[in-house]
All heavy atoms as atom14 arrays in JSON, in Angstrom:
{
  "sequence": "FRAAVFRAGNTHHDFLLIEVGKNAQPIPKGPHVG",
  "atom14_mask": [
    [1, 1, 1, 1, 1, 1, 1, 1, 1, 1, 1, 0, 0, 0],
    [1, 1, 1, 1, 1, 1, 1, 1, 1, 1, 1, 0, 0, 0],
    [1, 1, 1, 1, 1, 0, 0, 0, 0, 0, 0, 0, 0, 0],
    [1, 1, 1, 1, 1, 0, 0, 0, 0, 0, 0, 0, 0, 0],
    [1, 1, 1, 1, 1, 1, 1, 0, 0, 0, 0, 0, 0, 0],
    [1, 1, 1, 1, 1, 1, 1, 1, 1, 1, 1, 0, 0, 0],
    [1, 1, 1, 1, 1, 1, 1, 1, 1, 1, 1, 0, 0, 0],
    [1, 1, 1, 1, 1, 0, 0, 0, 0, 0, 0, 0, 0, 0],
    [1, 1, 1, 1, 0, 0, 0, 0, 0, 0, 0, 0, 0, 0],
    [1, 1, 1, 1, 1, 1, 1, 1, 0, 0, 0, 0, 0, 0],
    [1, 1, 1, 1, 1, 1, 1, 0, 0, 0, 0, 0, 0, 0],
    [1, 1, 1, 1, 1, 1, 1, 1, 1, 1, 0, 0, 0, 0],
    [1, 1, 1, 1, 1, 1, 1, 1, 1, 1, 0, 0, 0, 0],
    [1, 1, 1, 1, 1, 1, 1, 1, 0, 0, 0, 0, 0, 0],
    [1, 1, 1, 1, 1, 1, 1, 1, 1, 1, 1, 0, 0, 0],
    [1, 1, 1, 1, 1, 1, 1, 1, 0, 0, 0, 0, 0, 0],
    [1, 1, 1, 1, 1, 1, 1, 1, 0, 0, 0, 0, 0, 0],
    [1, 1, 1, 1, 1, 1, 1, 1, 0, 0, 0, 0, 0, 0],
    [1, 1, 1, 1, 1, 1, 1, 1, 1, 0, 0, 0, 0, 0],
    [1, 1, 1, 1, 1, 1, 1, 0, 0, 0, 0, 0, 0, 0],
    [1, 1, 1, 1, 0, 0, 0, 0, 0, 0, 0, 0, 0, 0],
    [1, 1, 1, 1, 1, 1, 1, 1, 1, 0, 0, 0, 0, 0],
    [1, 1, 1, 1, 1, 1, 1, 1, 0, 0, 0, 0, 0, 0],
    [1, 1, 1, 1, 1, 0, 0, 0, 0, 0, 0, 0, 0, 0],
    [1, 1, 1, 1, 1, 1, 1, 1, 1, 0, 0, 0, 0, 0],
    [1, 1, 1, 1, 1, 1, 1, 0, 0, 0, 0, 0, 0, 0],
    [1, 1, 1, 1, 1, 1, 1, 1, 0, 0, 0, 0, 0, 0],
    [1, 1, 1, 1, 1, 1, 1, 0, 0, 0, 0, 0, 0, 0],
    [1, 1, 1, 1, 1, 1, 1, 1, 1, 0, 0, 0, 0, 0],
    [1, 1, 1, 1, 0, 0, 0, 0, 0, 0, 0, 0, 0, 0],
    [1, 1, 1, 1, 1, 1, 1, 0, 0, 0, 0, 0, 0, 0],
    [1, 1, 1, 1, 1, 1, 1, 1, 1, 1, 0, 0, 0, 0],
    [1, 1, 1, 1, 1, 1, 1, 0, 0, 0, 0, 0, 0, 0],
    [1, 1, 1, 1, 0, 0, 0, 0, 0, 0, 0, 0, 0, 0]
  ],
  "atom14_positions": [
    [[95.82, 79.41, 76.46], [96.6, 79.26, 77.68], [96.59, 80.61, 78.37], [97.32, 81.53, 77.99], [98.04, 78.82, 77.36], [98.92, 78.67, 78.58], [98.63, 77.72, 79.54], [100.02, 79.48, 78.76], [99.43, 77.58, 80.67], [100.84, 79.34, 79.88], [100.53, 78.38, 80.83], [0.0, 0.0, 0.0], [0.0, 0.0, 0.0], [0.0, 0.0, 0.0]],
    [[95.74, 80.76, 79.35], [95.56, 82.04, 80.02], [96.71, 82.29, 80.98], [96.74, 81.77, 82.09], [94.22, 82.06, 80.76], [93.0, 81.82, 79.88], [92.46, 83.06, 79.25], [92.08, 84.0, 80.3], [92.07, 85.31, 80.12], [92.4, 85.83, 78.97], [91.72, 86.11, 81.1], [0.0, 0.0, 0.0], [0.0, 0.0, 0.0], [0.0, 0.0, 0.0]],
    [[97.68, 83.07, 80.51], [98.86, 83.38, 81.29], [99.41, 84.73, 80.85], [99.1, 85.21, 79.76], [99.92, 82.29, 81.11], [0.0, 0.0, 0.0], [0.0, 0.0, 0.0], [0.0, 0.0, 0.0], [0.0, 0.0, 0.0], [0.0, 0.0, 0.0], [0.0, 0.0, 0.0], [0.0, 0.0, 0.0], [0.0, 0.0, 0.0], [0.0, 0.0, 0.0]],
    [[100.22, 85.34, 81.7], [100.88, 86.6, 81.36], [102.28, 86.57, 81.94], [102.48, 86.18, 83.08], [100.1, 87.79, 81.9], [0.0, 0.0, 0.0], [0.0, 0.0, 0.0], [0.0, 0.0, 0.0], [0.0, 0.0, 0.0], [0.0, 0.0, 0.0], [0.0, 0.0, 0.0], [0.0, 0.0, 0.0], [0.0, 0.0, 0.0], [0.0, 0.0, 0.0]],
    [[103.25, 87.0, 81.13], [104.65, 87.04, 81.52], [105.06, 88.5, 81.68], [104.79, 89.32, 80.81], [105.54, 86.35, 80.45], [107.0, 86.43, 80.83], [105.11, 84.91, 80.25], [0.0, 0.0, 0.0], [0.0, 0.0, 0.0], [0.0, 0.0, 0.0], [0.0, 0.0, 0.0], [0.0, 0.0, 0.0], [0.0, 0.0, 0.0], [0.0, 0.0, 0.0]],
    [[105.73, 88.8, 82.8], [106.16, 90.16, 83.11], [107.68, 90.19, 83.2], [108.31, 89.22, 83.61], [105.6, 90.61, 84.46], [104.11, 90.65, 84.52], [103.37, 89.5, 84.74], [103.44, 91.85, 84.37], [101.99, 89.54, 84.81], [102.06, 91.9, 84.43], [101.33, 90.75, 84.66], [0.0, 0.0, 0.0], [0.0, 0.0, 0.0], [0.0, 0.0, 0.0]],
    [[108.22, 91.37, 82.87], [109.66, 91.55, 82.99], [109.92, 92.97, 83.46], [109.45, 93.93, 82.86], [110.34, 91.32, 81.64], [111.84, 91.46, 81.72], [112.48, 91.01, 80.4], [113.9, 91.05, 80.56], [114.69, 91.81, 79.83], [114.2, 92.57, 78.88], [115.99, 91.8, 80.04], [0.0, 0.0, 0.0], [0.0, 0.0, 0.0], [0.0, 0.0, 0.0]],
    [[110.7, 93.1, 84.53], [111.07, 94.43, 85.01], [112.56, 94.52, 85.3], [113.07, 95.59, 85.6], [110.29, 94.78, 86.28], [0.0, 0.0, 0.0], [0.0, 0.0, 0.0], [0.0, 0.0, 0.0], [0.0, 0.0, 0.0], [0.0, 0.0, 0.0], [0.0, 0.0, 0.0], [0.0, 0.0, 0.0], [0.0, 0.0, 0.0], [0.0, 0.0, 0.0]],
    [[113.25, 93.42, 85.21], [114.67, 93.4, 85.55], [115.53, 92.98, 84.38], [115.24, 93.29, 83.23], [0.0, 0.0, 0.0], [0.0, 0.0, 0.0], [0.0, 0.0, 0.0], [0.0, 0.0, 0.0], [0.0, 0.0, 0.0], [0.0, 0.0, 0.0], [0.0, 0.0, 0.0], [0.0, 0.0, 0.0], [0.0, 0.0, 0.0], [0.0, 0.0, 0.0]],
    [[116.59, 92.25, 84.69], [117.58, 91.87, 83.69], [117.53, 90.39, 83.35], [118.55, 89.8, 83.0], [118.98, 92.22, 84.2], [119.13, 93.7, 84.4], [118.64, 94.49, 83.61], [119.8, 94.1, 85.46], [0.0, 0.0, 0.0], [0.0, 0.0, 0.0], [0.0, 0.0, 0.0], [0.0, 0.0, 0.0], [0.0, 0.0, 0.0], [0.0, 0.0, 0.0]],
    [[116.38, 89.77, 83.46], [116.25, 88.35, 83.15], [115.14, 88.15, 82.12], [114.42, 89.09, 81.79], [116.0, 87.53, 84.44], [116.07, 86.15, 84.15], [114.67, 87.87, 85.07], [0.0, 0.0, 0.0], [0.0, 0.0, 0.0], [0.0, 0.0, 0.0], [0.0, 0.0, 0.0], [0.0, 0.0, 0.0], [0.0, 0.0, 0.0], [0.0, 0.0, 0.0]],
    [[115.02, 86.94, 81.62], [114.01, 86.63, 80.6], [112.6, 86.91, 81.07], [111.76, 87.36, 80.34], [114.14, 85.17, 80.14], [114.47, 84.24, 81.26], [113.54, 83.79, 82.17], [115.66, 83.72, 81.63], [114.13, 83.0, 83.05], [115.43, 82.95, 82.75], [0.0, 0.0, 0.0], [0.0, 0.0, 0.0], [0.0, 0.0, 0.0], [0.0, 0.0, 0.0]],
    [[112.32, 86.62, 82.34], [111.04, 87.01, 82.96], [111.22, 87.01, 84.47], [111.97, 86.22, 85.01], [109.89, 86.11, 82.51], [109.91, 84.72, 83.07], [110.81, 83.76, 82.67], [109.12, 84.13, 84.0], [110.56, 82.63, 83.33], [109.55, 82.83, 84.15], [0.0, 0.0, 0.0], [0.0, 0.0, 0.0], [0.0, 0.0, 0.0], [0.0, 0.0, 0.0]],
    [[110.54, 87.94, 85.1], [110.58, 88.05, 86.55], [109.37, 87.4, 87.19], [109.43, 86.93, 88.32], [110.58, 89.53, 86.98], [111.78, 90.27, 86.48], [112.91, 89.91, 86.87], [111.6, 91.21, 85.68], [0.0, 0.0, 0.0], [0.0, 0.0, 0.0], [0.0, 0.0, 0.0], [0.0, 0.0, 0.0], [0.0, 0.0, 0.0], [0.0, 0.0, 0.0]],
    [[108.27, 87.38, 86.44], [107.0, 87.06, 87.05], [106.08, 86.44, 86.0], [106.06, 86.89, 84.86], [106.42, 88.37, 87.58], [105.25, 88.26, 88.48], [105.24, 87.4, 89.56], [104.13, 89.04, 88.25], [104.16, 87.32, 90.4], [103.04, 88.97, 89.09], [103.05, 88.1, 90.17], [0.0, 0.0, 0.0], [0.0, 0.0, 0.0], [0.0, 0.0, 0.0]],
    [[105.35, 85.42, 86.4], [104.41, 84.75, 85.5], [103.13, 84.47, 86.25], [103.16, 83.97, 87.38], [105.03, 83.43, 85.0], [104.14, 82.45, 84.23], [103.59, 83.06, 82.95], [104.93, 81.18, 83.93], [0.0, 0.0, 0.0], [0.0, 0.0, 0.0], [0.0, 0.0, 0.0], [0.0, 0.0, 0.0], [0.0, 0.0, 0.0], [0.0, 0.0, 0.0]],
    [[102.01, 84.82, 85.65], [100.7, 84.5, 86.19], [100.06, 83.46, 85.28], [100.07, 83.63, 84.05], [99.79, 85.74, 86.22], [100.26, 86.92, 87.05], [99.29, 88.1, 86.88], [100.39, 86.54, 88.51], [0.0, 0.0, 0.0], [0.0, 0.0, 0.0], [0.0, 0.0, 0.0], [0.0, 0.0, 0.0], [0.0, 0.0, 0.0], [0.0, 0.0, 0.0]],
    [[99.49, 82.41, 85.87], [98.79, 81.37, 85.11], [97.39, 81.25, 85.69], [97.23, 80.99, 86.88], [99.52, 80.02, 85.2], [100.94, 80.14, 84.65], [98.73, 78.93, 84.45], [101.79, 78.89, 84.86], [0.0, 0.0, 0.0], [0.0, 0.0, 0.0], [0.0, 0.0, 0.0], [0.0, 0.0, 0.0], [0.0, 0.0, 0.0], [0.0, 0.0, 0.0]],
    [[96.4, 81.42, 84.84], [95.02, 81.31, 85.29], [94.62, 79.86, 85.49], [94.81, 79.03, 84.59], [94.07, 81.97, 84.29], [92.63, 82.01, 84.76], [91.73, 82.71, 83.78], [91.34, 82.08, 82.78], [91.42, 83.9, 84.02], [0.0, 0.0, 0.0], [0.0, 0.0, 0.0], [0.0, 0.0, 0.0], [0.0, 0.0, 0.0], [0.0, 0.0, 0.0]],
    [[94.07, 79.55, 86.66], [93.6, 78.19, 86.95], [92.08, 78.14, 87.13], [91.52, 77.07, 87.3], [94.3, 77.59, 88.19], [95.77, 77.36, 87.9], [94.11, 78.44, 89.42], [0.0, 0.0, 0.0], [0.0, 0.0, 0.0], [0.0, 0.0, 0.0], [0.0, 0.0, 0.0], [0.0, 0.0, 0.0], [0.0, 0.0, 0.0], [0.0, 0.0, 0.0]],
    [[91.42, 79.28, 87.1], [89.97, 79.33, 87.2], [89.46, 79.57, 88.6], [90.17, 79.41, 89.59], [0.0, 0.0, 0.0], [0.0, 0.0, 0.0], [0.0, 0.0, 0.0], [0.0, 0.0, 0.0], [0.0, 0.0, 0.0], [0.0, 0.0, 0.0], [0.0, 0.0, 0.0], [0.0, 0.0, 0.0], [0.0, 0.0, 0.0], [0.0, 0.0, 0.0]],
    [[88.19, 79.93, 88.68], [87.57, 80.29, 89.95], [87.28, 79.11, 90.85], [87.0, 79.28, 92.03], [86.3, 81.08, 89.67], [86.56, 82.41, 88.99], [85.31, 83.23, 88.86], [85.47, 84.48, 88.06], [86.58, 85.31, 88.33], [0.0, 0.0, 0.0], [0.0, 0.0, 0.0], [0.0, 0.0, 0.0], [0.0, 0.0, 0.0], [0.0, 0.0, 0.0]],
    [[87.34, 77.88, 90.35], [87.05, 76.7, 91.16], [88.29, 76.13, 91.86], [88.19, 75.14, 92.56], [86.39, 75.61, 90.32], [85.0, 76.04, 89.87], [84.3, 76.76, 90.58], [84.61, 75.62, 88.68], [0.0, 0.0, 0.0], [0.0, 0.0, 0.0], [0.0, 0.0, 0.0], [0.0, 0.0, 0.0], [0.0, 0.0, 0.0], [0.0, 0.0, 0.0]],
    [[89.44, 76.75, 91.67], [90.67, 76.29, 92.33], [90.58, 76.57, 93.83], [89.85, 77.46, 94.27], [91.88, 76.99, 91.73], [0.0, 0.0, 0.0], [0.0, 0.0, 0.0], [0.0, 0.0, 0.0], [0.0, 0.0, 0.0], [0.0, 0.0, 0.0], [0.0, 0.0, 0.0], [0.0, 0.0, 0.0], [0.0, 0.0, 0.0], [0.0, 0.0, 0.0]],
    [[91.33, 75.82, 94.62], [91.37, 76.01, 96.06], [91.92, 77.4, 96.39], [92.98, 77.77, 95.88], [92.25, 74.95, 96.72], [91.69, 73.56, 96.67], [90.44, 73.44, 97.54], [90.38, 73.98, 98.64], [89.43, 72.76, 97.02], [0.0, 0.0, 0.0], [0.0, 0.0, 0.0], [0.0, 0.0, 0.0], [0.0, 0.0, 0.0], [0.0, 0.0, 0.0]],
    [[91.25, 78.17, 97.24], [91.77, 79.48, 97.62], [92.94, 79.35, 98.6], [93.16, 78.28, 99.19], [90.58, 80.16, 98.3], [89.78, 79.02, 98.84], [89.97, 77.87, 97.87], [0.0, 0.0, 0.0], [0.0, 0.0, 0.0], [0.0, 0.0, 0.0], [0.0, 0.0, 0.0], [0.0, 0.0, 0.0], [0.0, 0.0, 0.0], [0.0, 0.0, 0.0]],
    [[93.67, 80.43, 98.77], [94.75, 80.49, 99.75], [94.11, 80.43, 101.14], [93.19, 81.2, 101.42], [95.57, 81.78, 99.58], [96.22, 81.82, 98.21], [96.61, 81.91, 100.69], [96.82, 83.16, 97.86], [0.0, 0.0, 0.0], [0.0, 0.0, 0.0], [0.0, 0.0, 0.0], [0.0, 0.0, 0.0], [0.0, 0.0, 0.0], [0.0, 0.0, 0.0]],
    [[94.58, 79.55, 102.02], [93.99, 79.49, 103.37], [94.23, 80.8, 104.13], [95.25, 81.45, 103.96], [94.74, 78.34, 104.05], [95.49, 77.64, 102.99], [95.63, 78.57, 101.83], [0.0, 0.0, 0.0], [0.0, 0.0, 0.0], [0.0, 0.0, 0.0], [0.0, 0.0, 0.0], [0.0, 0.0, 0.0], [0.0, 0.0, 0.0], [0.0, 0.0, 0.0]],
    [[93.27, 81.17, 104.96], [93.42, 82.36, 105.81], [94.31, 82.01, 107.01], [94.33, 80.87, 107.46], [92.06, 82.83, 106.31], [91.11, 83.21, 105.21], [91.5, 84.5, 104.57], [90.46, 84.91, 103.54], [91.0, 85.67, 102.48], [0.0, 0.0, 0.0], [0.0, 0.0, 0.0], [0.0, 0.0, 0.0], [0.0, 0.0, 0.0], [0.0, 0.0, 0.0]],
    [[95.01, 82.99, 107.54], [95.83, 82.8, 108.72], [97.12, 82.06, 108.43], [97.43, 81.74, 107.27], [0.0, 0.0, 0.0], [0.0, 0.0, 0.0], [0.0, 0.0, 0.0], [0.0, 0.0, 0.0], [0.0, 0.0, 0.0], [0.0, 0.0, 0.0], [0.0, 0.0, 0.0], [0.0, 0.0, 0.0], [0.0, 0.0, 0.0], [0.0, 0.0, 0.0]],
    [[97.89, 81.76, 109.48], [99.17, 81.06, 109.29], [98.96, 79.68, 108.66], [98.06, 78.94, 109.04], [99.72, 80.93, 110.71], [99.03, 82.0, 111.49], [97.67, 82.14, 110.87], [0.0, 0.0, 0.0], [0.0, 0.0, 0.0], [0.0, 0.0, 0.0], [0.0, 0.0, 0.0], [0.0, 0.0, 0.0], [0.0, 0.0, 0.0], [0.0, 0.0, 0.0]],
    [[99.77, 79.39, 107.68], [99.73, 78.1, 106.99], [101.08, 77.86, 106.34], [101.86, 78.79, 106.15], [98.61, 78.07, 105.94], [98.78, 79.11, 104.87], [98.4, 80.42, 105.04], [99.31, 79.04, 103.63], [98.69, 81.1, 103.94], [99.24, 80.29, 103.07], [0.0, 0.0, 0.0], [0.0, 0.0, 0.0], [0.0, 0.0, 0.0], [0.0, 0.0, 0.0]],
    [[101.34, 76.63, 106.02], [102.57, 76.31, 105.31], [102.44, 76.84, 103.89], [101.41, 76.69, 103.24], [102.82, 74.78, 105.3], [104.0, 74.44, 104.42], [103.03, 74.27, 106.72], [0.0, 0.0, 0.0], [0.0, 0.0, 0.0], [0.0, 0.0, 0.0], [0.0, 0.0, 0.0], [0.0, 0.0, 0.0], [0.0, 0.0, 0.0], [0.0, 0.0, 0.0]],
    [[103.48, 77.48, 103.42], [103.47, 78.05, 102.07], [104.07, 79.44, 102.11], [104.63, 79.88, 103.11], [0.0, 0.0, 0.0], [0.0, 0.0, 0.0], [0.0, 0.0, 0.0], [0.0, 0.0, 0.0], [0.0, 0.0, 0.0], [0.0, 0.0, 0.0], [0.0, 0.0, 0.0], [0.0, 0.0, 0.0], [0.0, 0.0, 0.0], [0.0, 0.0, 0.0]]
  ]
}
């Protein structure tokens, strides 16, 4: 399970990255919903 959990504050985790692979849809350029 390609993931990494980060903590910099006072909670169980602040940030989580989950790898979905290079074939996933990229973030659209320019203004978009999200």
